PDB file of N, CA and C in Angstrom:
ATOM      1  N   MET A   1      -7.257  15.687  11.361  1.00  0.00           N
ATOM      2  CA  MET A   1      -6.000  16.260  11.795  1.00  0.00           C
ATOM      3  C   MET A   1      -5.151  16.566  10.572  1.00  0.00           C
ATOM      4  N   THR A   2      -4.631  17.755  10.482  1.00  0.00           N
ATOM      5  CA  THR A   2      -3.728  18.119   9.410  1.00  0.00           C
ATOM      6  C   THR A   2      -2.319  17.767   9.847  1.00  0.00           C
ATOM      7  N   ASP A   3      -1.584  17.143   8.978  1.00  0.00           N
ATOM      8  CA  ASP A   3      -0.258  16.651   9.301  1.00  0.00           C
ATOM      9  C   ASP A   3       0.787  17.393   8.484  1.00  0.00           C
ATOM     10  N   ASP A   4       2.018  17.063   8.735  1.00  0.00           N
ATOM     11  CA  ASP A   4       3.139  17.622   7.998  1.00  0.00           C
ATOM     12  C   ASP A   4       2.965  17.337   6.505  1.00  0.00           C
ATOM     13  N   PRO A   5       3.047  18.359   5.657  1.00  0.00           N
ATOM     14  CA  PRO A   5       2.876  18.143   4.218  1.00  0.00           C
ATOM     15  C   PRO A   5       3.898  17.159   3.643  1.00  0.00           C
ATOM     16  N   GLY A   6       5.091  17.126   4.214  1.00  0.00           N
ATOM     17  CA  GLY A   6       6.106  16.184   3.737  1.00  0.00           C
ATOM     18  C   GLY A   6       5.694  14.742   3.968  1.00  0.00           C
ATOM     19  N   THR A   7       5.047  14.476   5.086  1.00  0.00           N
ATOM     20  CA  THR A   7       4.576  13.119   5.381  1.00  0.00           C
ATOM     21  C   THR A   7       3.465  12.728   4.422  1.00  0.00           C
ATOM     22  N   VAL A   8       2.529  13.626   4.194  1.00  0.00           N
ATOM     23  CA  VAL A   8       1.429  13.348   3.271  1.00  0.00           C
ATOM     24  C   VAL A   8       1.979  13.148   1.857  1.00  0.00           C
ATOM     25  N   ARG A   9       2.957  13.929   1.470  1.00  0.00           N
ATOM     26  CA  ARG A   9       3.577  13.795   0.139  1.00  0.00           C
ATOM     27  C   ARG A   9       4.264  12.428   0.012  1.00  0.00           C
ATOM     28  N   ALA A  10       4.967  12.011   1.054  1.00  0.00           N
ATOM     29  CA  ALA A  10       5.634  10.699   1.025  1.00  0.00           C
ATOM     30  C   ALA A  10       4.607   9.567   0.950  1.00  0.00           C
ATOM     31  N   LEU A  11       3.555   9.663   1.738  1.00  0.00           N
ATOM     32  CA  LEU A  11       2.500   8.648   1.693  1.00  0.00           C
ATOM     33  C   LEU A  11       1.830   8.629   0.315  1.00  0.00           C
ATOM     34  N   SER A  12       1.672   9.790  -0.285  1.00  0.00           N
ATOM     35  CA  SER A  12       1.072   9.869  -1.621  1.00  0.00           C
ATOM     36  C   SER A  12       1.972   9.204  -2.658  1.00  0.00           C
ATOM     37  N   GLY A  13       3.269   9.345  -2.499  1.00  0.00           N
ATOM     38  CA  GLY A  13       4.212   8.664  -3.395  1.00  0.00           C
ATOM     39  C   GLY A  13       4.111   7.156  -3.258  1.00  0.00           C
ATOM     40  N   LEU A  14       3.992   6.685  -2.024  1.00  0.00           N
ATOM     41  CA  LEU A  14       3.810   5.247  -1.795  1.00  0.00           C
ATOM     42  C   LEU A  14       2.496   4.765  -2.391  1.00  0.00           C
ATOM     43  N   LEU A  15       1.467   5.574  -2.271  1.00  0.00           N
ATOM     44  CA  LEU A  15       0.167   5.207  -2.826  1.00  0.00           C
ATOM     45  C   LEU A  15       0.247   5.095  -4.342  1.00  0.00           C
ATOM     46  N   ALA A  16       0.962   5.998  -4.984  1.00  0.00           N
ATOM     47  CA  ALA A  16       1.105   5.939  -6.443  1.00  0.00           C
ATOM     48  C   ALA A  16       1.764   4.625  -6.865  1.00  0.00           C
ATOM     49  N   VAL A  17       2.733   4.176  -6.093  1.00  0.00           N
ATOM     50  CA  VAL A  17       3.391   2.892  -6.380  1.00  0.00           C
ATOM     51  C   VAL A  17       2.408   1.741  -6.190  1.00  0.00           C
ATOM     52  N   GLN A  18       1.574   1.814  -5.178  1.00  0.00           N
ATOM     53  CA  GLN A  18       0.595   0.750  -4.940  1.00  0.00           C
ATOM     54  C   GLN A  18      -0.455   0.707  -6.041  1.00  0.00           C
ATOM     55  N   HIS A  19      -0.856   1.858  -6.553  1.00  0.00           N
ATOM     56  CA  HIS A  19      -1.789   1.878  -7.688  1.00  0.00           C
ATOM     57  C   HIS A  19      -1.183   1.091  -8.858  1.00  0.00           C
ATOM     58  N   ALA A  20       0.085   1.340  -9.144  1.00  0.00           N
ATOM     59  CA  ALA A  20       0.762   0.649 -10.245  1.00  0.00           C
ATOM     60  C   ALA A  20       0.893  -0.844  -9.957  1.00  0.00           C
ATOM     61  N   ALA A  21       1.176  -1.197  -8.718  1.00  0.00           N
ATOM     62  CA  ALA A  21       1.326  -2.609  -8.354  1.00  0.00           C
ATOM     63  C   ALA A  21       0.002  -3.359  -8.488  1.00  0.00           C
ATOM     64  N   VAL A  22      -1.091  -2.742  -8.104  1.00  0.00           N
ATOM     65  CA  VAL A  22      -2.414  -3.368  -8.264  1.00  0.00           C
ATOM     66  C   VAL A  22      -2.676  -3.621  -9.751  1.00  0.00           C
ATOM     67  N   TYR A  23      -2.382  -2.637 -10.574  1.00  0.00           N
ATOM     68  CA  TYR A  23      -2.575  -2.767 -12.020  1.00  0.00           C
ATOM     69  C   TYR A  23      -1.720  -3.909 -12.578  1.00  0.00           C
ATOM     70  N   ALA A  24      -0.458  -3.946 -12.181  1.00  0.00           N
ATOM     71  CA  ALA A  24       0.463  -4.961 -12.698  1.00  0.00           C
ATOM     72  C   ALA A  24       0.054  -6.369 -12.261  1.00  0.00           C
ATOM     73  N   ALA A  25      -0.359  -6.520 -11.009  1.00  0.00           N
ATOM     74  CA  ALA A  25      -0.775  -7.838 -10.527  1.00  0.00           C
ATOM     75  C   ALA A  25      -2.026  -8.312 -11.259  1.00  0.00           C
ATOM     76  N   ALA A  26      -2.949  -7.403 -11.517  1.00  0.00           N
ATOM     77  CA  ALA A  26      -4.156  -7.770 -12.264  1.00  0.00           C
ATOM     78  C   ALA A  26      -3.800  -8.160 -13.697  1.00  0.00           C
ATOM     79  N   ALA A  27      -2.896  -7.423 -14.312  1.00  0.00           N
ATOM     80  CA  ALA A  27      -2.476  -7.736 -15.674  1.00  0.00           C
ATOM     81  C   ALA A  27      -1.766  -9.086 -15.730  1.00  0.00           C
ATOM     82  N   ALA A  28      -0.947  -9.359 -14.722  1.00  0.00           N
ATOM     83  CA  ALA A  28      -0.243 -10.647 -14.689  1.00  0.00           C
ATOM     84  C   ALA A  28      -1.237 -11.796 -14.586  1.00  0.00           C
ATOM     85  N   GLY A  29      -2.219 -11.672 -13.711  1.00  0.00           N
ATOM     86  CA  GLY A  29      -3.231 -12.718 -13.574  1.00  0.00           C
ATOM     87  C   GLY A  29      -3.993 -12.930 -14.864  1.00  0.00           C
ATOM     88  N   GLY A  30      -4.323 -11.843 -15.527  1.00  0.00           N
ATOM     89  CA  GLY A  30      -5.041 -11.936 -16.793  1.00  0.00           C
ATOM     90  C   GLY A  30      -4.198 -12.565 -17.890  1.00  0.00           C
ATOM     91  N   ALA A  31      -2.920 -12.246 -17.918  1.00  0.00           N
ATOM     92  CA  ALA A  31      -2.034 -12.812 -18.938  1.00  0.00           C
ATOM     93  C   ALA A  31      -1.807 -14.301 -18.707  1.00  0.00           C
ATOM     94  N   LEU A  32      -1.833 -14.718 -17.455  1.00  0.00           N
ATOM     95  CA  LEU A  32      -1.584 -16.122 -17.129  1.00  0.00           C
ATOM     96  C   LEU A  32      -2.818 -16.999 -17.295  1.00  0.00           C
ATOM     97  N   ALA A  33      -3.988 -16.419 -17.214  1.00  0.00           N
ATOM     98  CA  ALA A  33      -5.231 -17.206 -17.250  1.00  0.00           C
ATOM     99  C   ALA A  33      -5.339 -18.122 -18.471  1.00  0.00           C
ATOM    100  N   PRO A  34      -5.009 -17.679 -19.686  1.00  0.00           N
ATOM    101  CA  PRO A  34      -5.150 -18.562 -20.845  1.00  0.00           C
ATOM    102  C   PRO A  34      -4.163 -19.736 -20.843  1.00  0.00           C
ATOM    103  N   LEU A  35      -3.165 -19.678 -19.992  1.00  0.00           N
ATOM    104  CA  LEU A  35      -2.134 -20.718 -19.973  1.00  0.00           C
ATOM    105  C   LEU A  35      -2.435 -21.838 -18.971  1.00  0.00           C
ATOM    106  N   ARG A  36      -3.640 -21.845 -18.455  1.00  0.00           N
ATOM    107  CA  ARG A  36      -4.017 -22.852 -17.471  1.00  0.00           C
ATOM    108  C   ARG A  36      -3.950 -24.238 -18.083  1.00  0.00           C
ATOM    109  N   PRO A  37      -3.712 -25.271 -17.380  1.00  0.00           N
ATOM    110  CA  PRO A  37      -3.471 -25.379 -15.951  1.00  0.00           C
ATOM    111  C   PRO A  37      -2.015 -25.186 -15.551  1.00  0.00           C
ATOM    112  N   VAL A  38      -1.102 -25.160 -16.520  1.00  0.00           N
ATOM    113  CA  VAL A  38       0.312 -25.062 -16.184  1.00  0.00           C
ATOM    114  C   VAL A  38       0.636 -23.758 -15.441  1.00  0.00           C
ATOM    115  N   SER A  39      -0.145 -22.719 -15.655  1.00  0.00           N
ATOM    116  CA  SER A  39       0.127 -21.416 -15.033  1.00  0.00           C
ATOM    117  C   SER A  39      -0.554 -21.250 -13.678  1.00  0.00           C
ATOM    118  N   ASP A  40      -1.265 -22.262 -13.205  1.00  0.00           N
ATOM    119  CA  ASP A  40      -2.033 -22.101 -11.963  1.00  0.00           C
ATOM    120  C   ASP A  40      -1.200 -21.616 -10.769  1.00  0.00           C
ATOM    121  N   PRO A  41       0.001 -22.163 -10.507  1.00  0.00           N
ATOM    122  CA  PRO A  41       0.771 -21.651  -9.363  1.00  0.00           C
ATOM    123  C   PRO A  41       1.126 -20.162  -9.501  1.00  0.00           C
ATOM    124  N   ALA A  42       1.533 -19.758 -10.700  1.00  0.00           N
ATOM    125  CA  ALA A  42       1.884 -18.349 -10.910  1.00  0.00           C
ATOM    126  C   ALA A  42       0.648 -17.470 -10.837  1.00  0.00           C
ATOM    127  N   ARG A  43      -0.472 -17.960 -11.340  1.00  0.00           N
ATOM    128  CA  ARG A  43      -1.718 -17.186 -11.299  1.00  0.00           C
ATOM    129  C   ARG A  43      -2.179 -16.995  -9.864  1.00  0.00           C
ATOM    130  N   LEU A  44      -2.037 -18.024  -9.043  1.00  0.00           N
ATOM    131  CA  LEU A  44      -2.398 -17.891  -7.624  1.00  0.00           C
ATOM    132  C   LEU A  44      -1.491 -16.882  -6.924  1.00  0.00           C
ATOM    133  N   LEU A  45      -0.224 -16.868  -7.293  1.00  0.00           N
ATOM    134  CA  LEU A  45       0.695 -15.871  -6.736  1.00  0.00           C
ATOM    135  C   LEU A  45       0.279 -14.461  -7.157  1.00  0.00           C
ATOM    136  N   ALA A  46      -0.122 -14.298  -8.415  1.00  0.00           N
ATOM    137  CA  ALA A  46      -0.582 -12.993  -8.894  1.00  0.00           C
ATOM    138  C   ALA A  46      -1.846 -12.562  -8.151  1.00  0.00           C
ATOM    139  N   GLN A  47      -2.756 -13.506  -7.911  1.00  0.00           N
ATOM    140  CA  GLN A  47      -3.982 -13.188  -7.155  1.00  0.00           C
ATOM    141  C   GLN A  47      -3.649 -12.752  -5.730  1.00  0.00           C
ATOM    142  N   SER A  48      -2.708 -13.439  -5.115  1.00  0.00           N
ATOM    143  CA  SER A  48      -2.301 -13.086  -3.750  1.00  0.00           C
ATOM    144  C   SER A  48      -1.670 -11.693  -3.718  1.00  0.00           C
ATOM    145  N   ALA A  49      -0.798 -11.424  -4.694  1.00  0.00           N
ATOM    146  CA  ALA A  49      -0.164 -10.097  -4.773  1.00  0.00           C
ATOM    147  C   ALA A  49      -1.209  -9.018  -5.002  1.00  0.00           C
ATOM    148  N   TYR A  50      -2.175  -9.303  -5.863  1.00  0.00           N
ATOM    149  CA  TYR A  50      -3.245  -8.346  -6.140  1.00  0.00           C
ATOM    150  C   TYR A  50      -3.978  -7.973  -4.849  1.00  0.00           C
ATOM    151  N   GLY A  51      -4.359  -8.973  -4.077  1.00  0.00           N
ATOM    152  CA  GLY A  51      -5.068  -8.718  -2.824  1.00  0.00           C
ATOM    153  C   GLY A  51      -4.220  -7.950  -1.818  1.00  0.00           C
ATOM    154  N   ALA A  52      -2.958  -8.326  -1.701  1.00  0.00           N
ATOM    155  CA  ALA A  52      -2.069  -7.648  -0.747  1.00  0.00           C
ATOM    156  C   ALA A  52      -1.847  -6.188  -1.141  1.00  0.00           C
ATOM    157  N   HIS A  53      -1.649  -5.932  -2.419  1.00  0.00           N
ATOM    158  CA  HIS A  53      -1.433  -4.546  -2.861  1.00  0.00           C
ATOM    159  C   HIS A  53      -2.703  -3.707  -2.737  1.00  0.00           C
ATOM    160  N   ARG A  54      -3.848  -4.311  -2.983  1.00  0.00           N
ATOM    161  CA  ARG A  54      -5.110  -3.580  -2.794  1.00  0.00           C
ATOM    162  C   ARG A  54      -5.287  -3.199  -1.323  1.00  0.00           C
ATOM    163  N   GLU A  55      -4.975  -4.138  -0.437  1.00  0.00           N
ATOM    164  CA  GLU A  55      -5.115  -3.864   1.000  1.00  0.00           C
ATOM    165  C   GLU A  55      -4.191  -2.725   1.425  1.00  0.00           C
ATOM    166  N   LEU A  56      -2.945  -2.771   0.981  1.00  0.00           N
ATOM    167  CA  LEU A  56      -2.009  -1.694   1.330  1.00  0.00           C
ATOM    168  C   LEU A  56      -2.450  -0.376   0.709  1.00  0.00           C
ATOM    169  N   ARG A  57      -2.929  -0.424  -0.534  1.00  0.00           N
ATOM    170  CA  ARG A  57      -3.443   0.786  -1.188  1.00  0.00           C
ATOM    171  C   ARG A  57      -4.561   1.414  -0.358  1.00  0.00           C
ATOM    172  N   ASP A  58      -5.499   0.591   0.072  1.00  0.00           N
ATOM    173  CA  ASP A  58      -6.632   1.101   0.848  1.00  0.00           C
ATOM    174  C   ASP A  58      -6.185   1.667   2.191  1.00  0.00           C
ATOM    175  N   ARG A  59      -5.203   1.042   2.808  1.00  0.00           N
ATOM    176  CA  ARG A  59      -4.673   1.562   4.082  1.00  0.00           C
ATOM    177  C   ARG A  59      -3.986   2.904   3.874  1.00  0.00           C
ATOM    178  N   LEU A  60      -3.251   3.045   2.776  1.00  0.00           N
ATOM    179  CA  LEU A  60      -2.595   4.322   2.486  1.00  0.00           C
ATOM    180  C   LEU A  60      -3.614   5.420   2.212  1.00  0.00           C
ATOM    181  N   VAL A  61      -4.669   5.102   1.482  1.00  0.00           N
ATOM    182  CA  VAL A  61      -5.726   6.093   1.226  1.00  0.00           C
ATOM    183  C   VAL A  61      -6.300   6.570   2.555  1.00  0.00           C
ATOM    184  N   ALA A  62      -6.619   5.638   3.447  1.00  0.00           N
ATOM    185  CA  ALA A  62      -7.180   6.008   4.753  1.00  0.00           C
ATOM    186  C   ALA A  62      -6.195   6.854   5.557  1.00  0.00           C
ATOM    187  N   GLU A  63      -4.925   6.503   5.498  1.00  0.00           N
ATOM    188  CA  GLU A  63      -3.899   7.256   6.243  1.00  0.00           C
ATOM    189  C   GLU A  63      -3.778   8.681   5.705  1.00  0.00           C
ATOM    190  N   ILE A  64      -3.765   8.825   4.398  1.00  0.00           N
ATOM    191  CA  ILE A  64      -3.656  10.162   3.799  1.00  0.00           C
ATOM    192  C   ILE A  64      -4.878  10.997   4.147  1.00  0.00           C
ATOM    193  N   LEU A  65      -6.059  10.421   4.019  1.00  0.00           N
ATOM    194  CA  LEU A  65      -7.282  11.147   4.381  1.00  0.00           C
ATOM    195  C   LEU A  65      -7.279  11.523   5.862  1.00  0.00           C
ATOM    196  N   GLY A  66      -6.823  10.609   6.692  1.00  0.00           N
ATOM    197  CA  GLY A  66      -6.765  10.871   8.128  1.00  0.00           C
ATOM    198  C   GLY A  66      -5.795  11.986   8.495  1.00  0.00           C
ATOM    199  N   ARG A  67      -4.845  12.237   7.634  1.00  0.00           N
ATOM    200  CA  ARG A  67      -3.867  13.301   7.864  1.00  0.00           C
ATOM    201  C   ARG A  67      -4.245  14.593   7.148  1.00  0.00           C
ATOM    202  N   GLY A  68      -5.460  14.631   6.602  1.00  0.00           N
ATOM    203  CA  GLY A  68      -5.943  15.845   5.963  1.00  0.00           C
ATOM    204  C   GLY A  68      -5.494  16.020   4.529  1.00  0.00           C
ATOM    205  N   GLY A  69      -4.921  14.970   3.941  1.00  0.00           N
ATOM    206  CA  GLY A  69      -4.449  15.063   2.569  1.00  0.00           C
ATOM    207  C   GLY A  69      -5.485  14.580   1.568  1.00  0.00           C
ATOM    208  N   SER A  70      -5.140  14.706   0.324  1.00  0.00           N
ATOM    209  CA  SER A  70      -5.991  14.256  -0.772  1.00  0.00           C
ATOM    210  C   SER A  70      -5.219  13.172  -1.527  1.00  0.00           C
ATOM    211  N   PRO A  71      -5.651  11.924  -1.431  1.00  0.00           N
ATOM    212  CA  PRO A  71      -4.893  10.837  -2.067  1.00  0.00           C
ATOM    213  C   PRO A  71      -4.927  10.935  -3.587  1.00  0.00           C
ATOM    214  N   PRO A  72      -3.792  10.678  -4.231  1.00  0.00           N
ATOM    215  CA  PRO A  72      -3.773  10.720  -5.691  1.00  0.00           C
ATOM    216  C   PRO A  72      -4.580   9.559  -6.270  1.00  0.00           C
ATOM    217  N   ALA A  73      -5.236   9.816  -7.382  1.00  0.00           N
ATOM    218  CA  ALA A  73      -5.999   8.773  -8.063  1.00  0.00           C
ATOM    219  C   ALA A  73      -5.055   7.898  -8.869  1.00  0.00           C
ATOM    220  N   ALA A  74      -5.514   6.707  -9.172  1.00  0.00           N
ATOM    221  CA  ALA A  74      -4.746   5.808 -10.024  1.00  0.00           C
ATOM    222  C   ALA A  74      -4.766   6.334 -11.458  1.00  0.00           C
ATOM    223  N   GLU A  75      -3.717   6.026 -12.193  1.00  0.00           N
ATOM    224  CA  GLU A  75      -3.676   6.336 -13.610  1.00  0.00           C
ATOM    225  C   GLU A  75      -4.642   5.394 -14.334  1.00  0.00           C
ATOM    226  N   PRO A  76      -5.129   5.767 -15.510  1.00  0.00           N
ATOM    227  CA  PRO A  76      -6.018   4.862 -16.232  1.00  0.00           C
ATOM    228  C   PRO A  76      -5.306   3.601 -16.708  1.00  0.00           C
ATOM    229  N   ALA A  77      -3.988   3.697 -16.933  1.00  0.00           N
ATOM    230  CA  ALA A  77      -3.201   2.545 -17.364  1.00  0.00           C
ATOM    231  C   ALA A  77      -1.736   2.820 -17.016  1.00  0.00           C
ATOM    232  N   TYR A  78      -0.951   1.748 -16.960  1.00  0.00           N
ATOM    233  CA  TYR A  78       0.478   1.852 -16.666  1.00  0.00           C
ATOM    234  C   TYR A  78       1.230   1.063 -17.725  1.00  0.00           C
ATOM    235  N   GLN A  79       2.410   1.507 -18.052  1.00  0.00           N
ATOM    236  CA  GLN A  79       3.237   0.776 -19.021  1.00  0.00           C
ATOM    237  C   GLN A  79       3.954  -0.337 -18.286  1.00  0.00           C
ATOM    238  N   LEU A  80       3.750  -1.549 -18.753  1.00  0.00           N
ATOM    239  CA  LEU A  80       4.370  -2.717 -18.133  1.00  0.00           C
ATOM    240  C   LEU A  80       5.525  -3.208 -18.996  1.00  0.00           C
ATOM    241  N   PRO A  81       6.516  -3.822 -18.354  1.00  0.00           N
ATOM    242  CA  PRO A  81       7.637  -4.347 -19.143  1.00  0.00           C
ATOM    243  C   PRO A  81       7.200  -5.521 -20.016  1.00  0.00           C
TER     244      PRO A  81
END
């Protein structure tokens, strides 16, 4: 089904944010790993965020495809604070 281009564009914008969030959560987990065991609670939070953002990312991809759109790809890297 082809949908309103504005809706697909908005969903694509949300997907771009989720791509960045997945990247950031993975980077946070990786940065915290060497600080174990003191970093374990924060690392578990980063792992949980990573999984949640991946799930939302995948749902957005399916929604965009279902509406006849082409989901934007993730950037190779993102600038983190």
